[in-house]
N, C-alpha and C. Protein backbone atom coordinates (compact mmCIF):
# COMPACT_ATOMS: atom_id res chain seq x y z
N MET A 1 -13.54 -12.76 2.49
CA MET A 1 -12.36 -13.22 1.80
C MET A 1 -11.51 -14.00 2.80
N PHE A 2 -11.07 -15.17 2.43
CA PHE A 2 -10.24 -15.98 3.28
C PHE A 2 -8.84 -16.04 2.70
N PHE A 3 -7.86 -15.83 3.52
CA PHE A 3 -6.48 -15.99 3.10
C PHE A 3 -5.67 -16.37 4.32
N SER A 4 -4.57 -17.03 4.11
CA SER A 4 -3.74 -17.45 5.23
C SER A 4 -2.72 -16.37 5.55
N ARG A 5 -2.31 -16.35 6.78
CA ARG A 5 -1.32 -15.39 7.25
C ARG A 5 0.04 -15.73 6.66
N PRO A 6 0.74 -14.74 6.11
CA PRO A 6 2.08 -15.01 5.60
C PRO A 6 2.97 -15.57 6.71
N ALA A 7 3.77 -16.56 6.41
CA ALA A 7 4.62 -17.21 7.40
C ALA A 7 5.50 -16.19 8.11
N GLY A 8 5.48 -16.23 9.43
CA GLY A 8 6.33 -15.35 10.23
C GLY A 8 5.85 -13.92 10.32
N GLN A 9 4.69 -13.62 9.78
CA GLN A 9 4.19 -12.25 9.78
C GLN A 9 3.11 -12.07 10.85
N LYS A 10 2.94 -10.85 11.30
CA LYS A 10 1.94 -10.52 12.32
C LYS A 10 0.96 -9.51 11.73
N TYR A 11 -0.34 -9.75 11.94
CA TYR A 11 -1.36 -8.82 11.45
C TYR A 11 -1.61 -7.74 12.49
N ILE A 12 -1.61 -6.49 12.07
CA ILE A 12 -1.92 -5.35 12.94
C ILE A 12 -3.26 -4.79 12.51
N ASP A 13 -4.26 -4.90 13.39
CA ASP A 13 -5.59 -4.35 13.11
C ASP A 13 -5.58 -2.88 13.51
N ARG A 14 -6.03 -2.04 12.62
CA ARG A 14 -6.01 -0.60 12.87
C ARG A 14 -7.03 -0.17 13.91
N GLY A 15 -7.98 -1.04 14.20
CA GLY A 15 -8.95 -0.73 15.25
C GLY A 15 -10.16 0.02 14.70
N ASP A 16 -10.81 0.75 15.58
CA ASP A 16 -12.05 1.47 15.25
C ASP A 16 -11.70 2.78 14.53
N ILE A 17 -11.81 2.74 13.22
CA ILE A 17 -11.42 3.89 12.38
C ILE A 17 -12.62 4.84 12.27
N GLU A 18 -12.39 6.12 12.45
CA GLU A 18 -13.48 7.08 12.50
C GLU A 18 -13.74 7.82 11.20
N ALA A 19 -12.87 7.66 10.22
CA ALA A 19 -13.05 8.39 8.96
C ALA A 19 -12.39 7.62 7.82
N ASN A 20 -12.81 7.92 6.61
CA ASN A 20 -12.18 7.34 5.42
C ASN A 20 -10.77 7.90 5.27
N ASP A 21 -9.87 7.09 4.76
CA ASP A 21 -8.51 7.57 4.50
C ASP A 21 -8.41 8.32 3.18
N TYR A 22 -9.17 7.85 2.18
CA TYR A 22 -9.15 8.50 0.86
C TYR A 22 -10.57 8.54 0.30
N LEU A 23 -10.87 9.62 -0.40
CA LEU A 23 -12.14 9.80 -1.10
C LEU A 23 -11.86 9.98 -2.58
N ILE A 24 -12.89 9.98 -3.39
CA ILE A 24 -12.71 10.15 -4.84
C ILE A 24 -12.01 11.47 -5.16
N THR A 25 -12.21 12.48 -4.32
CA THR A 25 -11.57 13.79 -4.56
C THR A 25 -10.05 13.73 -4.34
N ASP A 26 -9.56 12.68 -3.68
CA ASP A 26 -8.12 12.50 -3.46
C ASP A 26 -7.45 11.73 -4.59
N LEU A 27 -8.24 11.23 -5.53
CA LEU A 27 -7.76 10.31 -6.55
C LEU A 27 -7.85 10.90 -7.95
N THR A 28 -7.12 10.32 -8.88
CA THR A 28 -7.18 10.71 -10.29
C THR A 28 -8.04 9.69 -11.02
N VAL A 29 -9.07 10.17 -11.69
CA VAL A 29 -10.02 9.29 -12.39
C VAL A 29 -9.80 9.46 -13.88
N ASP A 30 -8.92 8.62 -14.47
CA ASP A 30 -8.63 8.77 -15.90
C ASP A 30 -8.27 7.45 -16.58
N ALA A 31 -8.66 6.32 -15.97
CA ALA A 31 -8.40 5.00 -16.56
C ALA A 31 -6.91 4.76 -16.82
N ALA A 32 -6.09 5.20 -15.88
CA ALA A 32 -4.64 4.95 -15.93
C ALA A 32 -4.19 4.58 -14.51
N TRP A 33 -3.02 4.00 -14.40
CA TRP A 33 -2.48 3.61 -13.10
C TRP A 33 -1.80 4.80 -12.43
N HIS A 34 -2.05 4.96 -11.12
CA HIS A 34 -1.49 6.06 -10.33
C HIS A 34 -1.03 5.55 -8.97
N ASP A 35 -0.08 6.25 -8.36
CA ASP A 35 0.42 5.89 -7.03
C ASP A 35 -0.59 6.28 -5.96
N LEU A 36 -0.70 5.43 -4.94
CA LEU A 36 -1.45 5.75 -3.73
C LEU A 36 -0.47 5.52 -2.57
N ASP A 37 -0.05 6.61 -1.96
CA ASP A 37 0.97 6.56 -0.91
C ASP A 37 0.31 6.27 0.43
N LEU A 38 0.58 5.08 0.96
CA LEU A 38 0.02 4.65 2.25
C LEU A 38 1.00 4.83 3.39
N SER A 39 2.17 5.40 3.11
CA SER A 39 3.27 5.45 4.09
C SER A 39 2.95 6.27 5.33
N ALA A 40 1.99 7.17 5.27
CA ALA A 40 1.60 7.93 6.46
C ALA A 40 0.73 7.09 7.40
N ILE A 41 0.25 5.93 6.89
CA ILE A 41 -0.64 5.08 7.68
C ILE A 41 0.05 3.78 8.08
N ILE A 42 0.72 3.14 7.14
CA ILE A 42 1.34 1.84 7.39
C ILE A 42 2.81 2.02 7.75
N PRO A 43 3.36 1.15 8.60
CA PRO A 43 4.77 1.29 8.97
C PRO A 43 5.71 0.73 7.90
N LYS A 44 6.95 1.16 7.95
CA LYS A 44 7.99 0.61 7.08
C LYS A 44 8.08 -0.89 7.32
N GLY A 45 8.25 -1.66 6.29
CA GLY A 45 8.35 -3.10 6.42
C GLY A 45 7.02 -3.83 6.28
N THR A 46 5.96 -3.09 5.97
CA THR A 46 4.66 -3.73 5.76
C THR A 46 4.73 -4.64 4.55
N VAL A 47 4.24 -5.87 4.72
CA VAL A 47 4.28 -6.86 3.65
C VAL A 47 2.97 -6.87 2.86
N LEU A 48 1.85 -6.76 3.55
CA LEU A 48 0.53 -6.73 2.91
C LEU A 48 -0.35 -5.73 3.64
N CYS A 49 -1.26 -5.08 2.89
CA CYS A 49 -2.24 -4.17 3.46
C CYS A 49 -3.64 -4.70 3.20
N MET A 50 -4.52 -4.55 4.17
CA MET A 50 -5.92 -4.87 4.00
C MET A 50 -6.67 -3.55 3.81
N LEU A 51 -7.32 -3.40 2.66
CA LEU A 51 -8.08 -2.19 2.36
C LEU A 51 -9.56 -2.50 2.28
N LEU A 52 -10.39 -1.61 2.79
CA LEU A 52 -11.83 -1.66 2.59
C LEU A 52 -12.16 -0.57 1.58
N VAL A 53 -12.71 -0.98 0.43
CA VAL A 53 -12.96 -0.05 -0.67
C VAL A 53 -14.45 -0.09 -1.00
N SER A 54 -15.04 1.10 -1.17
CA SER A 54 -16.43 1.18 -1.64
C SER A 54 -16.47 1.95 -2.95
N LEU A 55 -17.40 1.57 -3.81
CA LEU A 55 -17.56 2.20 -5.12
C LEU A 55 -19.04 2.30 -5.43
N ASN A 56 -19.48 3.47 -5.87
CA ASN A 56 -20.85 3.67 -6.33
C ASN A 56 -20.75 4.33 -7.71
N SER A 57 -21.55 3.82 -8.65
CA SER A 57 -21.47 4.31 -10.03
C SER A 57 -22.87 4.36 -10.65
N SER A 58 -23.05 5.32 -11.54
CA SER A 58 -24.31 5.43 -12.29
C SER A 58 -24.26 4.63 -13.58
N VAL A 59 -23.15 3.90 -13.78
CA VAL A 59 -22.94 3.09 -14.98
C VAL A 59 -22.44 1.71 -14.53
N LEU A 60 -22.85 0.67 -15.23
CA LEU A 60 -22.39 -0.68 -14.91
C LEU A 60 -20.92 -0.90 -15.23
N SER A 61 -20.32 -1.83 -14.54
CA SER A 61 -18.96 -2.33 -14.80
C SER A 61 -17.85 -1.29 -14.63
N LYS A 62 -18.07 -0.30 -13.82
CA LYS A 62 -16.98 0.62 -13.47
C LYS A 62 -16.20 -0.01 -12.33
N MET A 63 -14.88 0.19 -12.32
CA MET A 63 -14.07 -0.53 -11.35
C MET A 63 -12.91 0.29 -10.82
N MET A 64 -12.40 -0.19 -9.66
CA MET A 64 -11.17 0.29 -9.09
C MET A 64 -10.32 -0.94 -8.80
N LYS A 65 -9.07 -0.93 -9.32
CA LYS A 65 -8.15 -2.05 -9.15
C LYS A 65 -6.89 -1.56 -8.44
N PHE A 66 -6.19 -2.50 -7.81
CA PHE A 66 -4.95 -2.19 -7.08
C PHE A 66 -3.87 -3.18 -7.48
N ARG A 67 -2.62 -2.75 -7.37
CA ARG A 67 -1.47 -3.63 -7.58
C ARG A 67 -0.26 -3.03 -6.88
N THR A 68 0.77 -3.83 -6.77
CA THR A 68 2.04 -3.37 -6.21
C THR A 68 2.67 -2.37 -7.17
N LYS A 69 3.20 -1.29 -6.63
CA LYS A 69 3.87 -0.29 -7.49
C LYS A 69 4.99 -0.96 -8.27
N GLY A 70 5.00 -0.72 -9.56
CA GLY A 70 6.02 -1.29 -10.42
C GLY A 70 5.60 -2.56 -11.13
N ASP A 71 4.53 -3.20 -10.66
CA ASP A 71 4.02 -4.38 -11.37
C ASP A 71 3.39 -3.94 -12.68
N SER A 72 3.48 -4.78 -13.69
CA SER A 72 2.84 -4.45 -14.96
C SER A 72 1.64 -5.34 -15.24
N GLY A 73 1.52 -6.44 -14.53
CA GLY A 73 0.39 -7.34 -14.73
C GLY A 73 -0.88 -6.81 -14.09
N THR A 74 -2.01 -7.16 -14.68
CA THR A 74 -3.28 -6.73 -14.11
C THR A 74 -4.28 -7.88 -13.96
N TYR A 75 -3.92 -9.08 -14.39
CA TYR A 75 -4.85 -10.20 -14.31
C TYR A 75 -5.16 -10.62 -12.89
N ASN A 76 -4.24 -10.43 -11.97
CA ASN A 76 -4.49 -10.80 -10.59
C ASN A 76 -4.65 -9.58 -9.68
N ALA A 77 -4.98 -8.43 -10.25
CA ALA A 77 -5.17 -7.21 -9.47
C ALA A 77 -6.50 -7.25 -8.74
N PRO A 78 -6.50 -7.17 -7.39
CA PRO A 78 -7.76 -7.15 -6.66
C PRO A 78 -8.57 -5.91 -7.03
N LEU A 79 -9.90 -6.05 -7.06
CA LEU A 79 -10.74 -4.94 -7.51
C LEU A 79 -12.10 -4.93 -6.85
N VAL A 80 -12.78 -3.80 -6.98
CA VAL A 80 -14.19 -3.65 -6.67
C VAL A 80 -14.85 -3.13 -7.93
N MET A 81 -16.06 -3.67 -8.26
CA MET A 81 -16.72 -3.32 -9.52
C MET A 81 -18.22 -3.11 -9.29
N SER A 82 -18.78 -2.16 -10.02
CA SER A 82 -20.23 -1.92 -9.95
C SER A 82 -20.96 -2.93 -10.83
N SER A 83 -21.94 -3.61 -10.25
CA SER A 83 -22.75 -4.56 -11.04
C SER A 83 -24.23 -4.19 -11.03
N VAL A 84 -24.58 -3.14 -10.26
CA VAL A 84 -25.93 -2.59 -10.24
C VAL A 84 -25.77 -1.07 -10.21
N ILE A 85 -26.55 -0.38 -11.00
CA ILE A 85 -26.47 1.08 -11.07
C ILE A 85 -26.93 1.71 -9.76
N ASN A 86 -26.20 2.74 -9.32
CA ASN A 86 -26.52 3.53 -8.13
C ASN A 86 -26.60 2.72 -6.84
N GLN A 87 -25.79 1.68 -6.75
CA GLN A 87 -25.65 0.90 -5.52
C GLN A 87 -24.19 0.97 -5.10
N THR A 88 -23.95 1.02 -3.80
CA THR A 88 -22.59 1.04 -3.31
C THR A 88 -22.11 -0.38 -3.07
N PHE A 89 -20.96 -0.71 -3.63
CA PHE A 89 -20.35 -2.02 -3.48
C PHE A 89 -19.10 -1.88 -2.62
N TYR A 90 -18.96 -2.81 -1.67
CA TYR A 90 -17.84 -2.82 -0.75
C TYR A 90 -17.04 -4.09 -0.94
N THR A 91 -15.74 -3.99 -0.79
CA THR A 91 -14.90 -5.17 -0.75
C THR A 91 -13.69 -4.90 0.13
N SER A 92 -13.28 -5.93 0.84
CA SER A 92 -11.99 -5.90 1.54
C SER A 92 -11.01 -6.63 0.64
N LEU A 93 -9.87 -6.05 0.43
CA LEU A 93 -8.89 -6.66 -0.45
C LEU A 93 -7.49 -6.52 0.14
N VAL A 94 -6.61 -7.36 -0.34
CA VAL A 94 -5.23 -7.38 0.15
C VAL A 94 -4.32 -6.96 -0.99
N VAL A 95 -3.40 -6.06 -0.70
CA VAL A 95 -2.46 -5.60 -1.71
C VAL A 95 -1.07 -5.48 -1.08
N HIS A 96 -0.06 -5.74 -1.88
CA HIS A 96 1.33 -5.69 -1.42
C HIS A 96 1.93 -4.32 -1.74
N PRO A 97 2.23 -3.51 -0.74
CA PRO A 97 2.88 -2.21 -1.03
C PRO A 97 4.36 -2.40 -1.33
N ASP A 98 4.95 -1.45 -2.02
CA ASP A 98 6.39 -1.52 -2.23
C ASP A 98 7.11 -1.12 -0.94
N SER A 99 8.43 -1.08 -0.95
CA SER A 99 9.20 -0.81 0.27
C SER A 99 8.97 0.60 0.82
N ASP A 100 8.42 1.50 0.01
CA ASP A 100 8.12 2.86 0.46
C ASP A 100 6.66 3.04 0.88
N GLY A 101 5.88 1.94 0.89
CA GLY A 101 4.48 2.02 1.32
C GLY A 101 3.55 2.50 0.23
N ILE A 102 3.91 2.29 -1.03
CA ILE A 102 3.09 2.78 -2.14
C ILE A 102 2.50 1.61 -2.91
N VAL A 103 1.22 1.73 -3.25
CA VAL A 103 0.55 0.81 -4.15
C VAL A 103 0.07 1.63 -5.35
N GLU A 104 -0.38 0.96 -6.38
CA GLU A 104 -0.95 1.67 -7.53
C GLU A 104 -2.43 1.34 -7.64
N TYR A 105 -3.20 2.31 -8.13
CA TYR A 105 -4.63 2.11 -8.34
C TYR A 105 -5.02 2.52 -9.75
N PHE A 106 -6.11 1.96 -10.22
CA PHE A 106 -6.69 2.25 -11.54
C PHE A 106 -8.17 2.49 -11.31
N LEU A 107 -8.69 3.60 -11.83
CA LEU A 107 -10.11 3.92 -11.72
C LEU A 107 -10.71 4.11 -13.10
N SER A 108 -11.80 3.40 -13.38
CA SER A 108 -12.52 3.60 -14.64
C SER A 108 -13.01 5.04 -14.73
N THR A 109 -13.22 5.51 -15.95
CA THR A 109 -13.75 6.86 -16.14
C THR A 109 -15.25 6.80 -16.40
N GLY A 110 -15.92 7.90 -16.15
CA GLY A 110 -17.33 8.06 -16.49
C GLY A 110 -18.29 7.34 -15.57
N GLY A 111 -19.08 8.10 -14.85
CA GLY A 111 -20.16 7.53 -14.07
C GLY A 111 -19.87 7.20 -12.63
N ILE A 112 -18.63 7.29 -12.19
CA ILE A 112 -18.34 6.97 -10.79
C ILE A 112 -18.83 8.12 -9.91
N ILE A 113 -19.68 7.77 -8.97
CA ILE A 113 -20.28 8.75 -8.07
C ILE A 113 -19.41 8.94 -6.82
N SER A 114 -18.99 7.82 -6.23
CA SER A 114 -18.17 7.93 -5.03
C SER A 114 -17.23 6.74 -4.89
N ILE A 115 -16.11 7.00 -4.23
CA ILE A 115 -15.11 5.99 -3.86
C ILE A 115 -14.66 6.33 -2.45
N THR A 116 -14.53 5.32 -1.61
CA THR A 116 -13.89 5.51 -0.31
C THR A 116 -12.89 4.39 -0.11
N ILE A 117 -11.78 4.70 0.55
CA ILE A 117 -10.76 3.71 0.87
C ILE A 117 -10.39 3.87 2.33
N ILE A 118 -10.39 2.73 3.04
CA ILE A 118 -9.95 2.70 4.45
C ILE A 118 -8.87 1.63 4.57
N VAL A 119 -7.76 1.97 5.17
CA VAL A 119 -6.74 0.98 5.49
C VAL A 119 -7.19 0.31 6.80
N GLN A 120 -7.58 -0.97 6.71
CA GLN A 120 -8.08 -1.69 7.88
C GLN A 120 -6.97 -2.25 8.76
N GLY A 121 -5.86 -2.62 8.12
CA GLY A 121 -4.76 -3.20 8.86
C GLY A 121 -3.65 -3.63 7.92
N TRP A 122 -2.61 -4.26 8.48
CA TRP A 122 -1.47 -4.64 7.66
C TRP A 122 -0.70 -5.79 8.33
N PHE A 123 0.08 -6.48 7.52
CA PHE A 123 0.98 -7.52 7.99
C PHE A 123 2.41 -6.98 8.01
N VAL A 124 3.10 -7.20 9.11
CA VAL A 124 4.52 -6.82 9.22
C VAL A 124 5.32 -8.05 9.60
């Protein structure tokens, strides 16, 4: 994924991460939007977060989407989606957290085997 650096912002790479930050057991899987609090990882004033997300599903077209907390639109929500059964799909995506370090996520129901989320870095 190519994107330009926000004007006046600095990217902080989290470095060599040894474990996933979130697993499917940390999330609510019910096809509704829920908060994901990143504030223990990202500093106050973070403008954008880079997430590495993996998804494996036994059913086609299952997805995980992200958006800024409080947004109601979903057409431009970055996502990862299963397009082959029982294969793990990875994507790096950028999401804008709110001022408290919270983003929202949506997980399809039925057939999701695993999800992992790693915060790779952020712009301040």
